[in-house]
Amino acid sequence: DAGQLAQQLREQGIIVRYFNKPRINQFLRITVGTDEQNERLVQTLKQDIL
C-alpha cells in the first residue's frame, strides 16, 4: 500500500509525495537531491521497509 509506505518513510525522516486519488493512489513520487540522499532512501527501503 503506497500510503502506508509513505508513512513508514516519513517516520524515517524521508519525505515522499503520496497522492490519495483514484488511479494514482498506488504510487509515490520520490525526488532525491544528492547521492547521499539517494543512498539513504535505497538503504531504508532495503533494510527497514521491504
N, C-alpha and C. Protein backbone atom coordinates (compact mmCIF):
# COMPACT_ATOMS: atom_id res chain seq x y z
N ASP A 1 0.85 -1.18 0.00
CA ASP A 1 0.00 0.00 0.00
C ASP A 1 0.89 1.25 0.00
N ALA A 2 0.72 2.10 -0.99
CA ALA A 2 1.58 3.27 -1.14
C ALA A 2 1.43 4.25 0.01
N GLY A 3 0.22 4.43 0.51
CA GLY A 3 0.02 5.33 1.64
C GLY A 3 0.75 4.87 2.88
N GLN A 4 0.72 3.59 3.13
CA GLN A 4 1.42 3.03 4.29
C GLN A 4 2.93 3.16 4.12
N LEU A 5 3.43 2.90 2.92
CA LEU A 5 4.86 3.06 2.66
C LEU A 5 5.28 4.51 2.85
N ALA A 6 4.48 5.45 2.37
CA ALA A 6 4.79 6.87 2.55
C ALA A 6 4.89 7.20 4.03
N GLN A 7 3.98 6.68 4.83
CA GLN A 7 4.01 6.93 6.27
C GLN A 7 5.26 6.33 6.91
N GLN A 8 5.61 5.13 6.52
CA GLN A 8 6.81 4.49 7.07
C GLN A 8 8.07 5.28 6.71
N LEU A 9 8.13 5.77 5.49
CA LEU A 9 9.29 6.57 5.09
C LEU A 9 9.33 7.88 5.87
N ARG A 10 8.17 8.52 6.07
CA ARG A 10 8.12 9.75 6.86
C ARG A 10 8.64 9.52 8.27
N GLU A 11 8.30 8.38 8.85
CA GLU A 11 8.76 8.04 10.19
C GLU A 11 10.28 7.91 10.23
N GLN A 12 10.89 7.61 9.10
CA GLN A 12 12.35 7.50 8.99
C GLN A 12 12.98 8.84 8.57
N GLY A 13 12.16 9.87 8.44
CA GLY A 13 12.67 11.19 8.06
C GLY A 13 12.83 11.39 6.57
N ILE A 14 12.21 10.52 5.78
CA ILE A 14 12.28 10.62 4.33
C ILE A 14 10.91 11.07 3.83
N ILE A 15 10.87 12.21 3.19
CA ILE A 15 9.61 12.79 2.75
C ILE A 15 9.36 12.41 1.29
N VAL A 16 8.21 11.84 1.03
CA VAL A 16 7.79 11.48 -0.32
C VAL A 16 6.40 12.05 -0.55
N ARG A 17 5.97 12.06 -1.78
CA ARG A 17 4.65 12.59 -2.12
C ARG A 17 3.72 11.42 -2.42
N TYR A 18 2.62 11.34 -1.66
CA TYR A 18 1.60 10.32 -1.88
C TYR A 18 0.34 11.02 -2.36
N PHE A 19 -0.25 10.50 -3.40
CA PHE A 19 -1.46 11.07 -3.98
C PHE A 19 -2.63 10.14 -3.68
N ASN A 20 -3.48 10.53 -2.77
CA ASN A 20 -4.63 9.72 -2.40
C ASN A 20 -5.80 10.05 -3.32
N LYS A 21 -5.63 9.70 -4.58
CA LYS A 21 -6.64 9.96 -5.60
C LYS A 21 -6.81 8.72 -6.47
N PRO A 22 -8.00 8.51 -7.00
CA PRO A 22 -8.22 7.35 -7.86
C PRO A 22 -7.20 7.31 -9.01
N ARG A 23 -6.83 6.12 -9.39
CA ARG A 23 -5.91 5.83 -10.48
C ARG A 23 -4.45 6.09 -10.16
N ILE A 24 -4.15 6.91 -9.17
CA ILE A 24 -2.74 7.14 -8.83
C ILE A 24 -2.46 6.87 -7.35
N ASN A 25 -3.40 6.27 -6.64
CA ASN A 25 -3.23 6.04 -5.21
C ASN A 25 -2.32 4.85 -4.90
N GLN A 26 -1.77 4.22 -5.91
CA GLN A 26 -0.83 3.12 -5.69
C GLN A 26 0.61 3.55 -5.96
N PHE A 27 0.81 4.86 -6.11
CA PHE A 27 2.12 5.37 -6.49
C PHE A 27 2.62 6.41 -5.51
N LEU A 28 3.95 6.53 -5.45
CA LEU A 28 4.63 7.58 -4.70
C LEU A 28 5.49 8.37 -5.67
N ARG A 29 5.65 9.64 -5.38
CA ARG A 29 6.63 10.44 -6.12
C ARG A 29 7.79 10.69 -5.19
N ILE A 30 8.97 10.32 -5.62
CA ILE A 30 10.17 10.46 -4.81
C ILE A 30 11.16 11.31 -5.59
N THR A 31 11.60 12.40 -4.98
CA THR A 31 12.62 13.26 -5.56
C THR A 31 13.82 13.25 -4.64
N VAL A 32 14.97 12.94 -5.18
CA VAL A 32 16.19 12.84 -4.38
C VAL A 32 17.18 13.87 -4.90
N GLY A 33 17.76 14.64 -3.99
CA GLY A 33 18.64 15.72 -4.39
C GLY A 33 20.11 15.34 -4.53
N THR A 34 20.60 14.50 -3.63
CA THR A 34 22.03 14.20 -3.64
C THR A 34 22.25 12.69 -3.68
N ASP A 35 23.47 12.30 -3.98
CA ASP A 35 23.81 10.88 -3.96
C ASP A 35 23.60 10.30 -2.57
N GLU A 36 23.95 11.07 -1.55
CA GLU A 36 23.79 10.60 -0.17
C GLU A 36 22.32 10.37 0.17
N GLN A 37 21.45 11.29 -0.26
CA GLN A 37 20.02 11.12 -0.01
C GLN A 37 19.48 9.89 -0.74
N ASN A 38 19.93 9.70 -1.96
CA ASN A 38 19.51 8.53 -2.72
C ASN A 38 19.94 7.25 -2.03
N GLU A 39 21.18 7.21 -1.57
CA GLU A 39 21.69 6.02 -0.89
C GLU A 39 20.90 5.76 0.40
N ARG A 40 20.58 6.80 1.13
CA ARG A 40 19.79 6.65 2.36
C ARG A 40 18.40 6.09 2.05
N LEU A 41 17.78 6.59 1.01
CA LEU A 41 16.47 6.09 0.60
C LEU A 41 16.55 4.61 0.25
N VAL A 42 17.51 4.24 -0.58
CA VAL A 42 17.64 2.85 -1.01
C VAL A 42 17.90 1.94 0.18
N GLN A 43 18.81 2.34 1.06
CA GLN A 43 19.11 1.52 2.24
C GLN A 43 17.90 1.40 3.16
N THR A 44 17.15 2.47 3.34
CA THR A 44 15.95 2.42 4.18
C THR A 44 14.94 1.47 3.58
N LEU A 45 14.74 1.55 2.29
CA LEU A 45 13.79 0.64 1.64
C LEU A 45 14.24 -0.81 1.78
N LYS A 46 15.51 -1.07 1.58
CA LYS A 46 16.02 -2.44 1.67
C LYS A 46 15.94 -3.00 3.08
N GLN A 47 16.37 -2.25 4.06
CA GLN A 47 16.51 -2.77 5.42
C GLN A 47 15.25 -2.66 6.25
N ASP A 48 14.61 -1.53 6.21
CA ASP A 48 13.53 -1.26 7.16
C ASP A 48 12.14 -1.47 6.59
N ILE A 49 11.99 -1.33 5.32
CA ILE A 49 10.65 -1.30 4.74
C ILE A 49 10.31 -2.58 3.98
N LEU A 50 11.15 -2.95 3.03
CA LEU A 50 10.82 -4.07 2.14
C LEU A 50 11.31 -5.38 2.64
